Amino acid sequence: MGELAERQAVLEAMFQQYDTENSGELTPNQLQALHSSIRFGGISLPQVKAAMCYTCMCDDVACEQDELFDVLQEMDRRYFLVQDFRWEFSLLDAHQSDFITEDQGSSILMKVGVDQEEKLKTEMNEKLKQKEEEERGKKEAEERERLDKERRDREEAERQRELEIIEVQQALEAQRELEKKAKELEEQKKRELEEAKDDEEQAKLAAEREKIAEEEAKKAREAAKLAKDAASRQEAEEAEKAAREKAKQERNQKIRRELKVAIKKRDKKMLVKSVENFKNAKLADTDKDLPKAEKILKLFKAKDDLEDAMERRNLEDLEKSINFVKKNTFEADLPHEMIRANKMLINLKRLKRLRDEILNLKQSTVAEIRSYSKPPRVVHQVMIGTYLLLGNKEKTLKDWKGMQALIGKTGKDGLKRRVMEFKLETSDTGIAERSKAILDEFDLETVRDVSAGAAVFYAWGTATIEEIIDYHNQKKDGEDVSGKESGAKKTIKLSTQSGTLTVKI
């Protein structure tokens, strides 16, 4: 056991021995008794209280365990001071009369007092020096921690920017690849549409032959009714049976051809109907057309889910839909959708990261922005751009005192909460453009050099502006497209080899 630990154990044992009521504190009387067990005679109760007041911040009522060592040291100092006085007194009291002259008393006070005063000054200076060193060390540690945090934040921000650049580069590479595959797919679709013409013709011929066979079957049935003998009746019935078999074959041939046409045309409504007819007819899938059709229907579902996730700008659902498209190798079939989805995914991830950074901002950082009596222009402008996006009027933001009041609000009106609850649906492109004009005057590094807190809001603001503009452009494009479309969509469920498939048509 080390010296410090041994001393601590002894002090703890002494404290517990005299803390008879287990109060966690020692009274002046208990301290006097404890000290008397160490130093013969001890010191008086007023001196005990004075020692407590000196070491326990003027508390002469109780002493806690962690104060015991300092109190005992001060009591020892007073004890030995008394001993010094007694020694000097006994030297001057030659006749042991317990009296000395006034001049002798003054000399004792002078001698012992000066020595004690010098000792107290030395101790005080040492304590002040130690305290100054501790304060200086604390400030230096805090400054190092602040600089380290700023460095870590910069490194993390740089790492995030590098990741975003890599994501963008990967997205551009994927876009080029998708565009290349899309061209190949367009050529394939053209060929399939040409081939579909022949299948359509064959389907029409099969339908006509089915109709002819049905007419023959009808005539044969009428002939059977009019037959005068059994032989004629039997002959008519066999003719009807053959005609009906012929009609069935032609109908099946028509269903097969219609499914091929639907596959090559990639017509959703035609596919749903053709797959349903094919299954109801219970035909053998000799050409493996059914899996092809179901895969295309699956493609339509993937497209619907992807567009729905993009419309709602839901990060989790968008990521899930993109992964579904990739898993089923539908990228080439949905090149434009995937290009837009990948771009949106990058933006939504960045926006989420920025919202998280704001959520994790220390209140002291927000308070730092608010504490400016006359803020740097860049800080004020960034906060104007931020509050504009949140719905405040620009004229109310130009006065810094009013801005300070806004930043100081808490609860549902608090800055961080308003950012977290911001909705694109309630945004306005005009306001976004105005905010963009304000923020475009600066760049992220310039803002960060002035205020790390303002830099977080600057990054969120610029990313949010991009999202607002993209959101409203997407909404406008969607309205233009829907305006050209006619008829309401309906949902049909089909049983496939991998489960139930829901398709909007």
Protein backbone atom coordinates (compact mmCIF):
# COMPACT_ATOMS: atom_id res chain seq x y z
CA MET A 1 0.00 0.00 0.00
CA GLY A 2 1.40 3.45 -0.95
CA GLU A 3 2.02 6.21 1.58
CA LEU A 4 -0.99 8.23 0.40
CA ALA A 5 -3.31 5.23 0.53
CA GLU A 6 -2.00 4.26 3.97
CA ARG A 7 -2.58 7.79 5.27
CA GLN A 8 -6.08 7.79 3.82
CA ALA A 9 -6.88 4.47 5.50
CA VAL A 10 -5.68 5.78 8.91
CA LEU A 11 -7.73 8.99 8.53
CA GLU A 12 -10.81 7.00 7.57
CA ALA A 13 -10.42 4.72 10.59
CA MET A 14 -9.99 7.71 12.94
CA PHE A 15 -12.98 9.49 11.43
CA GLN A 16 -15.25 6.45 11.81
CA GLN A 17 -14.05 5.93 15.41
CA TYR A 18 -15.11 9.43 16.49
CA ASP A 19 -18.17 9.73 14.21
CA THR A 20 -20.26 7.89 16.81
CA GLU A 21 -23.60 8.85 15.21
CA ASN A 22 -22.54 7.90 11.65
CA SER A 23 -23.51 11.38 10.48
CA GLY A 24 -20.58 11.70 8.08
CA GLU A 25 -19.35 14.76 10.01
CA LEU A 26 -17.31 15.50 13.15
CA THR A 27 -18.34 18.22 15.61
CA PRO A 28 -15.78 20.56 17.24
CA ASN A 29 -15.96 18.47 20.45
CA GLN A 30 -15.34 15.24 18.53
CA LEU A 31 -12.42 16.87 16.70
CA GLN A 32 -10.95 18.11 20.03
CA ALA A 33 -11.14 14.58 21.46
CA LEU A 34 -9.54 13.09 18.33
CA HIS A 35 -6.67 15.61 18.35
CA SER A 36 -6.10 15.14 22.09
CA SER A 37 -5.55 11.42 21.41
CA ILE A 38 -2.71 12.39 19.07
CA ARG A 39 -1.19 15.42 20.86
CA PHE A 40 -1.05 15.37 24.63
CA GLY A 41 -3.33 18.02 26.04
CA GLY A 42 -4.61 19.09 22.61
CA ILE A 43 -5.89 22.62 22.10
CA SER A 44 -8.84 24.57 23.44
CA LEU A 45 -12.32 24.36 21.89
CA PRO A 46 -12.18 27.96 20.53
CA GLN A 47 -8.90 27.09 18.84
CA VAL A 48 -10.54 23.95 17.36
CA LYS A 49 -13.35 26.07 15.94
CA ALA A 50 -10.88 28.64 14.62
CA ALA A 51 -8.94 25.86 12.89
CA MET A 52 -12.17 24.55 11.35
CA CYS A 53 -13.17 28.00 10.17
CA TYR A 54 -9.72 28.52 8.63
CA THR A 55 -9.72 25.26 6.65
CA CYS A 56 -13.45 24.56 6.10
CA MET A 57 -14.44 27.90 4.55
CA CYS A 58 -15.62 29.46 7.84
CA ASP A 59 -17.61 26.37 8.80
CA ASP A 60 -16.94 25.83 12.55
CA VAL A 61 -19.93 23.53 13.03
CA ALA A 62 -18.92 20.29 11.31
CA CYS A 63 -15.97 18.72 9.48
CA GLU A 64 -16.38 16.17 6.68
CA GLN A 65 -14.03 13.25 6.16
CA ASP A 66 -12.24 14.76 3.16
CA GLU A 67 -11.48 17.90 5.23
CA LEU A 68 -10.05 16.01 8.23
CA PHE A 69 -6.38 16.01 7.19
CA ASP A 70 -6.29 19.77 6.55
CA VAL A 71 -8.11 20.50 9.82
CA LEU A 72 -5.71 18.31 11.81
CA GLN A 73 -2.74 20.08 10.20
CA GLU A 74 -4.12 23.48 11.20
CA MET A 75 -4.86 22.20 14.71
CA ASP A 76 -1.27 20.91 14.92
CA ARG A 77 0.06 24.31 13.83
CA ARG A 78 -1.90 25.97 16.60
CA TYR A 79 -0.87 23.28 19.09
CA PHE A 80 2.84 23.79 18.44
CA LEU A 81 2.40 27.54 18.41
CA VAL A 82 1.01 27.25 21.96
CA GLN A 83 3.97 25.03 22.86
CA ASP A 84 6.35 27.67 21.52
CA PHE A 85 4.65 30.33 23.63
CA ARG A 86 4.87 28.09 26.72
CA TRP A 87 8.57 27.39 26.11
CA GLU A 88 9.45 31.03 25.64
CA PHE A 89 7.32 31.91 28.70
CA SER A 90 9.09 29.31 30.88
CA LEU A 91 12.51 30.64 29.84
CA LEU A 92 11.59 34.15 30.97
CA ASP A 93 9.73 32.96 34.13
CA ALA A 94 12.98 32.21 36.03
CA HIS A 95 11.27 32.06 39.44
CA GLN A 96 8.44 29.80 38.21
CA SER A 97 5.90 32.31 39.42
CA ASP A 98 3.74 31.98 36.31
CA PHE A 99 4.24 35.72 35.73
CA ILE A 100 6.41 37.70 33.35
CA THR A 101 6.67 41.41 32.72
CA GLU A 102 4.76 43.28 30.05
CA ASP A 103 7.97 43.91 28.12
CA GLN A 104 8.86 40.20 28.29
CA GLY A 105 5.40 39.33 26.99
CA SER A 106 5.83 41.74 24.09
CA SER A 107 9.16 40.19 23.20
CA ILE A 108 7.58 36.72 23.16
CA LEU A 109 4.78 37.94 20.93
CA MET A 110 7.29 39.66 18.70
CA LYS A 111 9.56 36.65 18.41
CA VAL A 112 6.95 33.90 18.07
CA GLY A 113 4.51 36.14 16.18
CA VAL A 114 7.06 37.22 13.60
CA ASP A 115 8.18 33.65 13.06
CA GLN A 116 4.57 32.53 12.80
CA GLU A 117 3.66 35.41 10.51
CA GLU A 118 6.54 34.55 8.21
CA LYS A 119 5.46 30.94 8.26
CA LEU A 120 1.84 31.89 7.50
CA LYS A 121 2.94 34.16 4.67
CA THR A 122 5.07 31.41 3.20
CA GLU A 123 2.21 28.93 3.44
CA MET A 124 -0.24 31.44 1.99
CA ASN A 125 2.09 32.27 -0.89
CA GLU A 126 2.61 28.59 -1.58
CA LYS A 127 -1.14 28.00 -1.55
CA LEU A 128 -1.76 30.97 -3.84
CA LYS A 129 0.98 29.81 -6.17
CA GLN A 130 -0.42 26.28 -6.16
CA LYS A 131 -3.93 27.61 -6.85
CA GLU A 132 -2.66 29.81 -9.68
CA GLU A 133 -0.83 26.85 -11.18
CA GLU A 134 -3.96 24.72 -10.87
CA GLU A 135 -6.08 27.44 -12.51
CA ARG A 136 -3.51 27.92 -15.24
CA GLY A 137 -3.31 24.16 -15.78
CA LYS A 138 -7.10 23.94 -15.88
CA LYS A 139 -7.34 26.77 -18.42
CA GLU A 140 -4.58 25.23 -20.53
CA ALA A 141 -6.34 21.84 -20.41
CA GLU A 142 -9.65 23.45 -21.39
CA GLU A 143 -7.97 25.33 -24.23
CA ARG A 144 -6.28 22.12 -25.41
CA GLU A 145 -9.62 20.32 -25.25
CA ARG A 146 -11.30 23.14 -27.18
CA LEU A 147 -8.61 23.13 -29.85
CA ASP A 148 -8.71 19.32 -30.01
CA LYS A 149 -12.49 19.40 -30.41
CA GLU A 150 -12.25 22.00 -33.16
CA ARG A 151 -9.61 19.88 -34.87
CA ARG A 152 -11.74 16.74 -34.52
CA ASP A 153 -14.80 18.61 -35.81
CA ARG A 154 -12.85 19.90 -38.81
CA GLU A 155 -11.44 16.45 -39.52
CA GLU A 156 -14.90 14.90 -39.22
CA ALA A 157 -16.40 17.57 -41.47
CA GLU A 158 -13.59 17.03 -43.98
CA ARG A 159 -14.13 13.27 -43.82
CA GLN A 160 -17.85 13.74 -44.43
CA ARG A 161 -17.15 16.03 -47.37
CA GLU A 162 -14.76 13.47 -48.83
CA LEU A 163 -17.39 10.76 -48.40
CA GLU A 164 -19.98 12.97 -50.08
CA ILE A 165 -17.58 13.64 -52.96
CA ILE A 166 -16.96 9.90 -53.33
CA GLU A 167 -20.73 9.26 -53.26
CA VAL A 168 -21.28 11.90 -55.92
CA GLN A 169 -18.49 10.47 -58.08
CA GLN A 170 -19.93 6.99 -57.70
CA ALA A 171 -23.39 8.32 -58.54
CA LEU A 172 -22.02 10.01 -61.68
CA GLU A 173 -20.26 6.82 -62.72
CA ALA A 174 -23.45 4.85 -62.08
CA GLN A 175 -25.38 7.46 -64.05
CA ARG A 176 -23.08 7.07 -67.07
CA GLU A 177 -23.41 3.30 -66.85
CA LEU A 178 -27.20 3.55 -66.55
CA GLU A 179 -27.41 5.87 -69.54
CA LYS A 180 -25.36 3.41 -71.58
CA LYS A 181 -27.56 0.47 -70.54
CA ALA A 182 -30.68 2.54 -71.12
CA LYS A 183 -29.67 3.11 -74.76
CA GLU A 184 -29.12 -0.61 -75.21
CA LEU A 185 -32.49 -1.30 -73.61
CA GLU A 186 -34.21 1.20 -75.90
CA GLU A 187 -32.80 -0.61 -78.91
CA GLN A 188 -33.98 -3.92 -77.48
CA LYS A 189 -37.47 -2.49 -76.87
CA LYS A 190 -37.66 -1.30 -80.48
CA ARG A 191 -36.82 -4.80 -81.70
CA GLU A 192 -39.36 -6.34 -79.36
CA LEU A 193 -42.05 -3.91 -80.52
CA GLU A 194 -41.40 -4.99 -84.11
CA GLU A 195 -41.64 -8.63 -83.06
CA ALA A 196 -44.81 -7.85 -81.13
CA LYS A 197 -46.54 -6.88 -84.39
CA ASP A 198 -46.25 -10.45 -85.63
CA ASP A 199 -47.54 -11.82 -82.30
CA GLU A 200 -50.45 -9.36 -82.42
CA GLU A 201 -51.31 -10.52 -85.92
CA GLN A 202 -51.13 -14.15 -84.83
CA ALA A 203 -53.33 -13.38 -81.82
CA LYS A 204 -55.94 -11.73 -84.08
CA LEU A 205 -55.89 -14.69 -86.47
CA ALA A 206 -56.25 -17.08 -83.51
CA ALA A 207 -59.22 -15.03 -82.26
CA GLU A 208 -60.84 -15.17 -85.71
CA ARG A 209 -60.26 -18.91 -85.96
CA GLU A 210 -61.70 -19.34 -82.47
CA LYS A 211 -64.79 -17.43 -83.57
CA ILE A 212 -65.13 -19.58 -86.69
CA ALA A 213 -64.73 -22.76 -84.62
CA GLU A 214 -67.37 -21.53 -82.17
CA GLU A 215 -69.76 -20.93 -85.11
CA GLU A 216 -69.05 -24.43 -86.44
CA ALA A 217 -69.70 -25.90 -82.99
CA LYS A 218 -73.00 -23.98 -82.81
CA LYS A 219 -74.07 -25.25 -86.24
CA ALA A 220 -73.09 -28.81 -85.32
CA ARG A 221 -75.17 -28.56 -82.10
CA GLU A 222 -78.17 -27.33 -84.11
CA ALA A 223 -77.67 -30.17 -86.59
CA ALA A 224 -77.61 -32.69 -83.77
CA LYS A 225 -80.96 -31.40 -82.55
CA LEU A 226 -82.47 -31.75 -86.03
CA ALA A 227 -80.94 -35.16 -86.80
CA LYS A 228 -83.59 -37.79 -87.78
CA ASP A 229 -81.55 -40.84 -86.87
CA ALA A 230 -78.92 -41.88 -84.34
CA ALA A 231 -76.12 -42.04 -86.88
CA SER A 232 -76.71 -38.47 -88.05
CA ARG A 233 -76.98 -37.27 -84.46
CA GLN A 234 -73.71 -38.96 -83.48
CA GLU A 235 -71.94 -37.48 -86.50
CA ALA A 236 -73.21 -33.98 -85.60
CA GLU A 237 -72.14 -34.35 -81.94
CA GLU A 238 -68.63 -35.45 -82.96
CA ALA A 239 -68.42 -32.47 -85.30
CA GLU A 240 -69.47 -30.16 -82.41
CA LYS A 241 -66.87 -31.72 -80.09
CA ALA A 242 -64.11 -31.29 -82.67
CA ALA A 243 -65.16 -27.69 -83.30
CA ARG A 244 -65.16 -26.89 -79.58
CA GLU A 245 -61.71 -28.48 -79.22
CA LYS A 246 -60.52 -26.40 -82.14
CA ALA A 247 -61.99 -23.24 -80.52
CA LYS A 248 -60.23 -24.07 -77.24
CA GLN A 249 -56.89 -24.54 -78.98
CA GLU A 250 -57.29 -21.26 -80.84
CA ARG A 251 -58.31 -19.49 -77.62
CA ASN A 252 -55.23 -20.86 -75.84
CA GLN A 253 -53.09 -19.83 -78.79
CA LYS A 254 -54.61 -16.32 -78.59
CA ILE A 255 -53.88 -16.15 -74.82
CA ARG A 256 -50.27 -17.21 -75.37
CA ARG A 257 -49.79 -14.65 -78.15
CA GLU A 258 -51.42 -11.87 -76.11
CA LEU A 259 -49.05 -12.61 -73.22
CA LYS A 260 -46.07 -12.40 -75.60
CA VAL A 261 -47.38 -9.09 -76.96
CA ALA A 262 -47.85 -7.70 -73.43
CA ILE A 263 -44.29 -8.75 -72.49
CA LYS A 264 -42.74 -7.14 -75.57
CA LYS A 265 -44.81 -3.99 -75.29
CA ARG A 266 -44.29 -3.84 -71.51
CA ASP A 267 -47.87 -2.66 -71.19
CA LYS A 268 -48.84 -2.84 -67.51
CA LYS A 269 -52.61 -3.12 -67.98
CA MET A 270 -52.23 -5.68 -70.78
CA LEU A 271 -49.74 -7.67 -68.71
CA VAL A 272 -52.04 -7.89 -65.70
CA LYS A 273 -54.95 -9.09 -67.87
CA SER A 274 -52.79 -11.51 -69.90
CA VAL A 275 -51.22 -13.10 -66.81
CA GLU A 276 -54.68 -13.51 -65.26
CA ASN A 277 -56.06 -15.12 -68.47
CA PHE A 278 -53.01 -17.37 -68.77
CA LYS A 279 -53.41 -18.66 -65.21
CA ASN A 280 -57.17 -19.06 -65.46
CA ALA A 281 -56.70 -21.14 -68.62
CA LYS A 282 -54.20 -23.31 -66.68
CA LEU A 283 -51.85 -23.43 -69.66
CA ALA A 284 -48.49 -25.14 -69.60
CA ASP A 285 -45.79 -22.45 -69.71
CA THR A 286 -43.69 -24.12 -72.39
CA ASP A 287 -42.05 -20.85 -73.53
CA LYS A 288 -41.37 -19.62 -69.95
CA ASP A 289 -43.34 -16.44 -70.61
CA LEU A 290 -45.04 -16.31 -67.22
CA PRO A 291 -41.83 -15.60 -65.21
CA LYS A 292 -40.92 -12.91 -67.75
CA ALA A 293 -44.30 -11.26 -67.34
CA GLU A 294 -44.16 -11.47 -63.56
CA LYS A 295 -40.67 -9.98 -63.56
CA ILE A 296 -41.91 -7.02 -65.60
CA LEU A 297 -44.83 -6.58 -63.19
CA LYS A 298 -42.30 -6.71 -60.39
CA LEU A 299 -40.41 -3.98 -62.23
CA PHE A 300 -43.55 -1.84 -62.32
CA LYS A 301 -43.99 -2.33 -58.59
CA ALA A 302 -40.35 -1.39 -57.99
CA LYS A 303 -40.89 1.75 -60.05
CA ASP A 304 -44.07 2.63 -58.14
CA ASP A 305 -42.32 2.15 -54.78
CA LEU A 306 -39.30 4.15 -55.91
CA GLU A 307 -41.39 7.04 -57.17
CA ASP A 308 -43.53 6.96 -54.02
CA ALA A 309 -40.42 7.11 -51.80
CA MET A 310 -39.04 9.99 -53.88
CA GLU A 311 -42.33 11.84 -53.71
CA ARG A 312 -42.38 11.52 -49.92
CA ARG A 313 -38.59 12.07 -49.71
CA ASN A 314 -38.39 9.39 -47.04
CA LEU A 315 -34.74 8.41 -46.56
CA GLU A 316 -35.34 4.94 -45.15
CA ASP A 317 -37.95 3.97 -47.78
CA LEU A 318 -35.89 5.49 -50.60
CA GLU A 319 -32.81 3.49 -49.59
CA LYS A 320 -34.93 0.36 -49.34
CA SER A 321 -36.48 0.95 -52.80
CA ILE A 322 -33.08 1.62 -54.40
CA ASN A 323 -31.68 -1.58 -52.90
CA PHE A 324 -34.72 -3.51 -54.19
CA VAL A 325 -34.13 -2.18 -57.71
CA LYS A 326 -30.43 -3.12 -57.54
CA LYS A 327 -31.14 -6.56 -56.09
CA ASN A 328 -33.47 -7.36 -58.98
CA THR A 329 -31.13 -5.75 -61.58
CA PHE A 330 -33.76 -3.24 -62.70
CA GLU A 331 -31.33 -0.27 -62.91
CA ALA A 332 -31.21 -0.32 -66.74
CA ASP A 333 -35.02 -0.45 -66.88
CA LEU A 334 -35.32 2.62 -64.64
CA PRO A 335 -32.34 4.78 -65.63
CA HIS A 336 -33.90 8.20 -65.16
CA GLU A 337 -35.64 7.23 -61.92
CA MET A 338 -32.44 5.72 -60.49
CA ILE A 339 -30.35 8.77 -61.44
CA ARG A 340 -32.80 11.03 -59.64
CA ALA A 341 -33.19 8.61 -56.72
CA ASN A 342 -29.42 8.31 -56.17
CA LYS A 343 -29.02 12.09 -56.23
CA MET A 344 -31.91 12.49 -53.79
CA LEU A 345 -30.46 9.78 -51.52
CA ILE A 346 -27.14 11.65 -51.28
CA ASN A 347 -28.94 14.92 -50.49
CA LEU A 348 -31.23 13.33 -47.89
CA LYS A 349 -28.28 11.62 -46.17
CA ARG A 350 -26.40 14.90 -46.06
CA LEU A 351 -29.47 16.72 -44.73
CA LYS A 352 -29.95 14.08 -42.02
CA ARG A 353 -26.29 14.37 -41.01
CA LEU A 354 -26.60 18.14 -40.78
CA ARG A 355 -29.82 17.88 -38.73
CA ASP A 356 -28.03 15.45 -36.41
CA GLU A 357 -25.15 17.91 -36.05
CA ILE A 358 -27.61 20.64 -35.05
CA LEU A 359 -29.38 18.25 -32.65
CA ASN A 360 -26.03 17.43 -31.03
CA LEU A 361 -24.95 21.08 -30.79
CA LYS A 362 -24.17 21.99 -27.21
CA GLN A 363 -26.39 24.70 -25.79
CA SER A 364 -23.20 26.62 -25.02
CA THR A 365 -22.46 26.77 -28.77
CA VAL A 366 -25.89 28.25 -29.49
CA ALA A 367 -25.41 30.57 -26.51
CA GLU A 368 -22.08 31.67 -28.00
CA ILE A 369 -23.87 32.88 -31.15
CA ARG A 370 -26.45 34.69 -29.02
CA SER A 371 -23.80 36.26 -26.77
CA TYR A 372 -22.45 38.63 -29.42
CA SER A 373 -23.32 42.22 -28.55
CA LYS A 374 -22.31 43.21 -32.08
CA PRO A 375 -21.93 40.01 -34.15
CA PRO A 376 -19.62 39.57 -37.15
CA ARG A 377 -21.61 40.26 -40.30
CA VAL A 378 -21.23 36.66 -41.52
CA VAL A 379 -22.84 35.29 -38.32
CA HIS A 380 -25.81 37.67 -38.53
CA GLN A 381 -26.38 36.93 -42.22
CA VAL A 382 -26.22 33.16 -41.70
CA MET A 383 -28.80 33.35 -38.92
CA ILE A 384 -31.03 35.57 -41.11
CA GLY A 385 -30.85 32.92 -43.86
CA THR A 386 -31.62 30.18 -41.32
CA TYR A 387 -34.65 31.90 -39.78
CA LEU A 388 -35.98 32.87 -43.21
CA LEU A 389 -36.19 29.17 -44.08
CA LEU A 390 -37.92 28.53 -40.76
CA GLY A 391 -40.66 31.02 -41.65
CA ASN A 392 -39.66 34.30 -39.97
CA LYS A 393 -40.07 37.61 -41.83
CA GLU A 394 -36.82 39.18 -43.03
CA LYS A 395 -37.64 42.65 -41.67
CA THR A 396 -37.86 41.21 -38.13
CA LEU A 397 -34.42 39.60 -38.43
CA LYS A 398 -32.30 42.63 -39.26
CA ASP A 399 -32.21 43.87 -35.66
CA TRP A 400 -29.67 41.77 -33.72
CA LYS A 401 -31.48 42.22 -30.39
CA GLY A 402 -34.58 40.66 -31.92
CA MET A 403 -32.40 37.87 -33.32
CA GLN A 404 -30.92 37.27 -29.87
CA ALA A 405 -34.44 36.89 -28.48
CA LEU A 406 -35.26 34.33 -31.17
CA ILE A 407 -32.08 32.31 -30.55
CA GLY A 408 -32.80 32.37 -26.81
CA LYS A 409 -36.24 30.78 -27.14
CA THR A 410 -36.75 27.23 -25.85
CA GLY A 411 -39.36 24.49 -26.08
CA LYS A 412 -41.39 24.24 -29.28
CA ASP A 413 -40.07 27.66 -30.36
CA GLY A 414 -36.45 26.66 -29.74
CA LEU A 415 -34.06 26.92 -32.70
CA LYS A 416 -32.88 23.31 -32.63
CA ARG A 417 -36.43 21.95 -32.35
CA ARG A 418 -37.67 24.12 -35.23
CA VAL A 419 -34.88 22.79 -37.44
CA MET A 420 -35.69 19.20 -36.45
CA GLU A 421 -39.39 19.67 -37.27
CA PHE A 422 -38.87 21.56 -40.55
CA LYS A 423 -41.06 20.20 -43.38
CA LEU A 424 -40.41 20.67 -47.10
CA GLU A 425 -44.16 20.65 -47.77
CA THR A 426 -44.53 23.97 -45.93
CA SER A 427 -41.57 25.60 -47.70
CA ASP A 428 -41.68 28.31 -50.34
CA THR A 429 -39.35 28.56 -53.34
CA GLY A 430 -39.33 32.37 -53.22
CA ILE A 431 -38.13 32.35 -49.62
CA ALA A 432 -35.59 29.63 -50.44
CA GLU A 433 -34.22 31.75 -53.31
CA ARG A 434 -33.94 34.79 -51.02
CA SER A 435 -32.16 32.75 -48.35
CA LYS A 436 -29.85 31.36 -51.04
CA ALA A 437 -28.94 34.88 -52.17
CA ILE A 438 -27.97 35.74 -48.57
CA LEU A 439 -25.94 32.60 -47.92
CA ASP A 440 -24.24 32.51 -51.33
CA GLU A 441 -22.18 35.53 -50.27
CA PHE A 442 -20.08 33.19 -48.09
CA ASP A 443 -18.60 29.69 -48.17
CA LEU A 444 -18.48 27.08 -45.42
CA GLU A 445 -14.80 27.60 -44.56
CA THR A 446 -15.23 31.36 -44.20
CA VAL A 447 -18.17 30.88 -41.83
CA ARG A 448 -16.39 28.15 -39.85
CA ASP A 449 -13.33 30.37 -39.32
CA VAL A 450 -15.57 32.91 -37.58
CA SER A 451 -18.03 30.64 -35.73
CA ALA A 452 -18.24 26.84 -35.63
CA GLY A 453 -21.88 27.05 -34.50
CA ALA A 454 -22.90 29.37 -37.33
CA ALA A 455 -21.12 27.03 -39.78
CA VAL A 456 -23.46 24.17 -38.81
CA PHE A 457 -26.52 26.33 -39.55
CA TYR A 458 -24.93 27.55 -42.80
CA ALA A 459 -24.40 23.95 -43.96
CA TRP A 460 -27.96 22.99 -43.01
CA GLY A 461 -29.36 26.08 -44.74
CA THR A 462 -27.55 25.53 -48.05
CA ALA A 463 -28.48 21.83 -48.14
CA THR A 464 -32.10 22.60 -47.25
CA ILE A 465 -32.37 25.21 -50.00
CA GLU A 466 -31.28 22.60 -52.56
CA GLU A 467 -33.92 20.21 -51.23
CA ILE A 468 -36.68 22.83 -51.32
CA ILE A 469 -35.95 23.77 -54.94
CA ASP A 470 -35.67 20.12 -55.99
CA TYR A 471 -38.87 19.23 -54.10
CA HIS A 472 -40.94 21.94 -55.80
CA ASN A 473 -39.46 21.14 -59.23
CA GLN A 474 -40.35 17.49 -58.70
CA LYS A 475 -43.85 18.43 -57.59
CA LYS A 476 -44.30 20.65 -60.65
CA ASP A 477 -43.07 17.91 -63.01
CA GLY A 478 -45.44 15.45 -61.33
CA GLU A 479 -48.40 17.77 -61.82
CA ASP A 480 -47.49 18.28 -65.49
CA VAL A 481 -47.34 14.53 -66.04
CA SER A 482 -50.52 13.79 -64.09
CA GLY A 483 -52.32 16.48 -66.04
CA LYS A 484 -51.61 14.62 -69.25
CA GLU A 485 -52.69 11.27 -67.84
CA SER A 486 -56.35 10.29 -67.75
CA GLY A 487 -58.25 7.69 -65.78
CA ALA A 488 -57.94 6.67 -62.14
CA LYS A 489 -55.42 4.06 -61.03
CA LYS A 490 -56.63 0.84 -59.51
CA THR A 491 -54.80 -1.90 -57.66
CA ILE A 492 -54.78 -5.57 -58.65
CA LYS A 493 -53.23 -8.43 -56.68
CA LEU A 494 -51.72 -11.38 -58.56
CA SER A 495 -50.34 -14.64 -57.21
CA THR A 496 -46.79 -15.24 -58.42
CA GLN A 497 -44.18 -17.92 -57.83
CA SER A 498 -42.58 -15.77 -55.12
CA GLY A 499 -45.80 -14.62 -53.45
CA THR A 500 -48.55 -12.06 -53.98
CA LEU A 501 -47.75 -9.12 -56.25
CA THR A 502 -49.71 -5.86 -56.00
CA VAL A 503 -49.69 -3.72 -59.12
CA LYS A 504 -51.20 -0.26 -59.68
CA ILE A 505 -52.72 0.15 -63.15
